[in-house]
């Protein structure tokens, strides 16, 4: 299993309800292992198994949930 982490800077995250909706939507993607949201900094971190989902699919899901992606940083985790 190959793990990766993606760090997304997005437009405004509007409170706890928006954070919960984002987390629920991203957790539903096969291969997503964890989602962390920092609404104060408008940042979302996603750890995932890249044999199940890609950074592009995660990004499209964020856009489908109504968030503009300002920047993305990737990190490959080797074991």
N, C-alpha and C. Protein backbone atom coordinates (compact mmCIF):
# COMPACT_ATOMS: atom_id res chain seq x y z
N UNK A 1 0.85 -1.17 0.00
CA UNK A 1 0.00 0.00 0.00
C UNK A 1 0.89 1.24 0.00
N UNK A 2 0.57 2.17 -0.85
CA UNK A 2 1.34 3.40 -0.96
C UNK A 2 0.53 4.56 -0.37
N UNK A 3 1.14 5.28 0.54
CA UNK A 3 0.45 6.38 1.20
C UNK A 3 0.95 7.73 0.69
N UNK A 4 0.02 8.66 0.61
CA UNK A 4 0.36 10.02 0.26
C UNK A 4 -0.44 10.96 1.15
N UNK A 5 0.05 12.18 1.22
CA UNK A 5 -0.67 13.24 1.92
C UNK A 5 -0.81 14.41 0.96
N UNK A 6 -1.98 15.02 0.95
CA UNK A 6 -2.22 16.20 0.13
C UNK A 6 -2.69 17.31 1.06
N UNK A 7 -2.14 18.49 0.84
CA UNK A 7 -2.46 19.66 1.65
C UNK A 7 -3.06 20.71 0.73
N UNK A 8 -4.32 21.04 0.96
CA UNK A 8 -5.05 21.97 0.11
C UNK A 8 -5.29 23.28 0.84
N UNK A 9 -4.97 24.38 0.18
CA UNK A 9 -5.40 25.70 0.65
C UNK A 9 -6.62 26.05 -0.18
N UNK A 10 -7.71 26.39 0.49
CA UNK A 10 -8.98 26.64 -0.19
C UNK A 10 -9.51 28.02 0.17
N UNK A 11 -10.57 28.43 -0.54
CA UNK A 11 -11.27 29.64 -0.17
C UNK A 11 -11.88 29.46 1.21
N UNK A 12 -12.56 30.41 1.70
CA UNK A 12 -13.10 30.42 3.06
C UNK A 12 -13.88 29.16 3.41
N UNK A 13 -13.54 28.59 4.57
CA UNK A 13 -14.31 27.49 5.15
C UNK A 13 -15.23 28.12 6.18
N UNK A 14 -16.52 28.01 5.94
CA UNK A 14 -17.52 28.75 6.72
C UNK A 14 -18.01 27.96 7.93
N UNK A 15 -17.21 27.92 8.96
CA UNK A 15 -17.66 27.38 10.24
C UNK A 15 -17.66 25.87 10.37
N UNK A 16 -18.20 25.42 11.51
CA UNK A 16 -18.20 24.00 11.86
C UNK A 16 -19.05 23.16 10.91
N UNK A 17 -20.20 23.68 10.51
CA UNK A 17 -21.07 22.92 9.61
C UNK A 17 -20.36 22.65 8.28
N UNK A 18 -19.70 23.64 7.73
CA UNK A 18 -18.96 23.49 6.48
C UNK A 18 -17.82 22.49 6.66
N UNK A 19 -17.12 22.57 7.79
CA UNK A 19 -16.03 21.64 8.06
C UNK A 19 -16.54 20.20 8.13
N UNK A 20 -17.66 19.99 8.81
CA UNK A 20 -18.24 18.65 8.91
C UNK A 20 -18.66 18.13 7.55
N UNK A 21 -19.24 18.98 6.72
CA UNK A 21 -19.66 18.58 5.37
C UNK A 21 -18.44 18.19 4.53
N UNK A 22 -17.38 18.98 4.61
CA UNK A 22 -16.14 18.67 3.89
C UNK A 22 -15.57 17.33 4.35
N UNK A 23 -15.48 17.14 5.65
CA UNK A 23 -14.92 15.90 6.19
C UNK A 23 -15.76 14.70 5.77
N UNK A 24 -17.06 14.81 5.87
CA UNK A 24 -17.97 13.73 5.49
C UNK A 24 -17.79 13.39 4.00
N UNK A 25 -17.73 14.41 3.15
CA UNK A 25 -17.59 14.20 1.72
C UNK A 25 -16.27 13.55 1.34
N UNK A 26 -15.19 13.99 1.96
CA UNK A 26 -13.87 13.43 1.66
C UNK A 26 -13.70 12.03 2.24
N UNK A 27 -14.23 11.80 3.44
CA UNK A 27 -14.15 10.47 4.06
C UNK A 27 -14.86 9.41 3.22
N UNK A 28 -15.84 9.83 2.41
CA UNK A 28 -16.61 8.90 1.60
C UNK A 28 -15.82 8.37 0.40
N UNK A 29 -14.72 9.04 0.05
CA UNK A 29 -13.91 8.58 -1.08
C UNK A 29 -13.12 7.33 -0.69
N UNK A 30 -13.18 6.27 -1.52
CA UNK A 30 -12.40 5.06 -1.23
C UNK A 30 -10.90 5.38 -1.21
N UNK A 31 -10.22 4.94 -0.19
CA UNK A 31 -8.78 5.17 -0.09
C UNK A 31 -8.40 6.30 0.84
N UNK A 32 -9.35 7.17 1.19
CA UNK A 32 -9.04 8.26 2.12
C UNK A 32 -8.94 7.67 3.52
N UNK A 33 -7.80 7.93 4.17
CA UNK A 33 -7.57 7.37 5.50
C UNK A 33 -7.85 8.37 6.61
N UNK A 34 -7.55 9.65 6.37
CA UNK A 34 -7.86 10.66 7.38
C UNK A 34 -7.97 12.03 6.73
N UNK A 35 -8.79 12.87 7.37
CA UNK A 35 -9.01 14.24 6.89
C UNK A 35 -8.87 15.16 8.10
N UNK A 36 -8.08 16.20 7.94
CA UNK A 36 -7.92 17.20 8.99
C UNK A 36 -8.20 18.57 8.38
N UNK A 37 -9.04 19.35 9.06
CA UNK A 37 -9.44 20.65 8.54
C UNK A 37 -9.07 21.73 9.54
N UNK A 38 -8.35 22.74 9.06
CA UNK A 38 -8.02 23.92 9.86
C UNK A 38 -8.80 25.08 9.25
N UNK A 39 -9.99 25.35 9.80
CA UNK A 39 -10.85 26.39 9.22
C UNK A 39 -10.28 27.79 9.43
N UNK A 40 -9.47 27.99 10.47
CA UNK A 40 -8.88 29.30 10.70
C UNK A 40 -7.88 29.67 9.60
N UNK A 41 -7.19 28.66 9.06
CA UNK A 41 -6.21 28.90 8.00
C UNK A 41 -6.72 28.48 6.63
N UNK A 42 -7.98 27.98 6.56
CA UNK A 42 -8.57 27.52 5.30
C UNK A 42 -7.71 26.45 4.63
N UNK A 43 -7.28 25.47 5.46
CA UNK A 43 -6.43 24.39 4.96
C UNK A 43 -7.06 23.04 5.28
N UNK A 44 -6.88 22.12 4.33
CA UNK A 44 -7.39 20.76 4.47
C UNK A 44 -6.24 19.81 4.19
N UNK A 45 -6.01 18.86 5.10
CA UNK A 45 -4.99 17.83 4.93
C UNK A 45 -5.69 16.49 4.75
N UNK A 46 -5.27 15.74 3.74
CA UNK A 46 -5.88 14.44 3.48
C UNK A 46 -4.76 13.40 3.35
N UNK A 47 -4.82 12.37 4.18
CA UNK A 47 -3.93 11.22 4.05
C UNK A 47 -4.71 10.14 3.31
N UNK A 48 -4.06 9.54 2.30
CA UNK A 48 -4.79 8.57 1.49
C UNK A 48 -3.89 7.49 0.93
N UNK A 49 -4.52 6.38 0.58
CA UNK A 49 -3.87 5.27 -0.10
C UNK A 49 -4.02 5.56 -1.59
N UNK A 50 -2.90 5.86 -2.25
CA UNK A 50 -3.02 6.29 -3.64
C UNK A 50 -3.26 5.15 -4.63
N UNK A 51 -3.47 3.94 -4.13
CA UNK A 51 -3.95 2.88 -5.01
C UNK A 51 -5.48 2.91 -5.08
N UNK A 52 -6.11 3.66 -4.17
CA UNK A 52 -7.56 3.74 -4.13
C UNK A 52 -8.12 5.06 -4.63
N UNK A 53 -7.36 6.13 -4.48
CA UNK A 53 -7.83 7.46 -4.86
C UNK A 53 -6.61 8.31 -5.23
N UNK A 54 -6.81 9.30 -6.07
CA UNK A 54 -5.71 10.18 -6.47
C UNK A 54 -5.94 11.59 -5.93
N UNK A 55 -4.88 12.37 -5.93
CA UNK A 55 -4.98 13.76 -5.51
C UNK A 55 -5.98 14.50 -6.39
N UNK A 56 -6.01 14.19 -7.68
CA UNK A 56 -6.95 14.85 -8.59
C UNK A 56 -8.40 14.55 -8.23
N UNK A 57 -8.69 13.31 -7.84
CA UNK A 57 -10.06 12.95 -7.44
C UNK A 57 -10.46 13.70 -6.16
N UNK A 58 -9.52 13.81 -5.23
CA UNK A 58 -9.80 14.54 -3.99
C UNK A 58 -10.05 16.01 -4.32
N UNK A 59 -9.23 16.57 -5.18
CA UNK A 59 -9.40 17.97 -5.57
C UNK A 59 -10.76 18.18 -6.25
N UNK A 60 -11.15 17.28 -7.14
CA UNK A 60 -12.46 17.41 -7.80
C UNK A 60 -13.60 17.32 -6.79
N UNK A 61 -13.44 16.46 -5.79
CA UNK A 61 -14.47 16.34 -4.74
C UNK A 61 -14.59 17.64 -3.96
N UNK A 62 -13.45 18.26 -3.63
CA UNK A 62 -13.49 19.55 -2.93
C UNK A 62 -14.19 20.60 -3.77
N UNK A 63 -13.90 20.61 -5.07
CA UNK A 63 -14.56 21.56 -5.96
C UNK A 63 -16.06 21.27 -6.07
N UNK A 64 -16.43 19.98 -6.12
CA UNK A 64 -17.85 19.60 -6.15
C UNK A 64 -18.57 20.06 -4.88
N UNK A 65 -17.83 20.10 -3.77
CA UNK A 65 -18.39 20.55 -2.50
C UNK A 65 -18.41 22.07 -2.38
N UNK A 66 -17.97 22.76 -3.46
CA UNK A 66 -18.09 24.21 -3.51
C UNK A 66 -16.88 25.00 -3.07
N UNK A 67 -15.70 24.37 -3.06
CA UNK A 67 -14.51 25.07 -2.59
C UNK A 67 -13.50 25.26 -3.72
N UNK A 68 -13.01 26.49 -3.84
CA UNK A 68 -11.98 26.84 -4.81
C UNK A 68 -10.62 26.46 -4.24
N UNK A 69 -9.85 25.72 -5.01
CA UNK A 69 -8.51 25.32 -4.58
C UNK A 69 -7.52 26.42 -4.94
N UNK A 70 -6.84 26.94 -3.94
CA UNK A 70 -5.84 27.99 -4.17
C UNK A 70 -4.45 27.41 -4.37
N UNK A 71 -4.12 26.34 -3.63
CA UNK A 71 -2.84 25.67 -3.83
C UNK A 71 -2.91 24.25 -3.27
N UNK A 72 -2.01 23.40 -3.78
CA UNK A 72 -1.93 22.01 -3.35
C UNK A 72 -0.46 21.65 -3.15
N UNK A 73 -0.19 20.98 -2.05
CA UNK A 73 1.15 20.44 -1.78
C UNK A 73 0.99 18.94 -1.55
N UNK A 74 1.86 18.16 -2.17
CA UNK A 74 1.81 16.71 -2.04
C UNK A 74 3.03 16.20 -1.28
N UNK A 75 2.82 15.08 -0.57
CA UNK A 75 3.92 14.41 0.12
C UNK A 75 3.72 12.92 -0.04
N UNK A 76 4.72 12.23 -0.56
CA UNK A 76 4.70 10.77 -0.70
C UNK A 76 5.30 10.17 0.56
N UNK A 77 4.61 9.20 1.16
CA UNK A 77 5.09 8.56 2.36
C UNK A 77 5.57 7.17 1.99
N UNK A 78 6.84 6.88 2.21
CA UNK A 78 7.37 5.56 1.91
C UNK A 78 7.54 4.78 3.20
N UNK A 79 7.28 3.51 3.08
CA UNK A 79 7.39 2.64 4.28
C UNK A 79 8.46 1.61 4.09
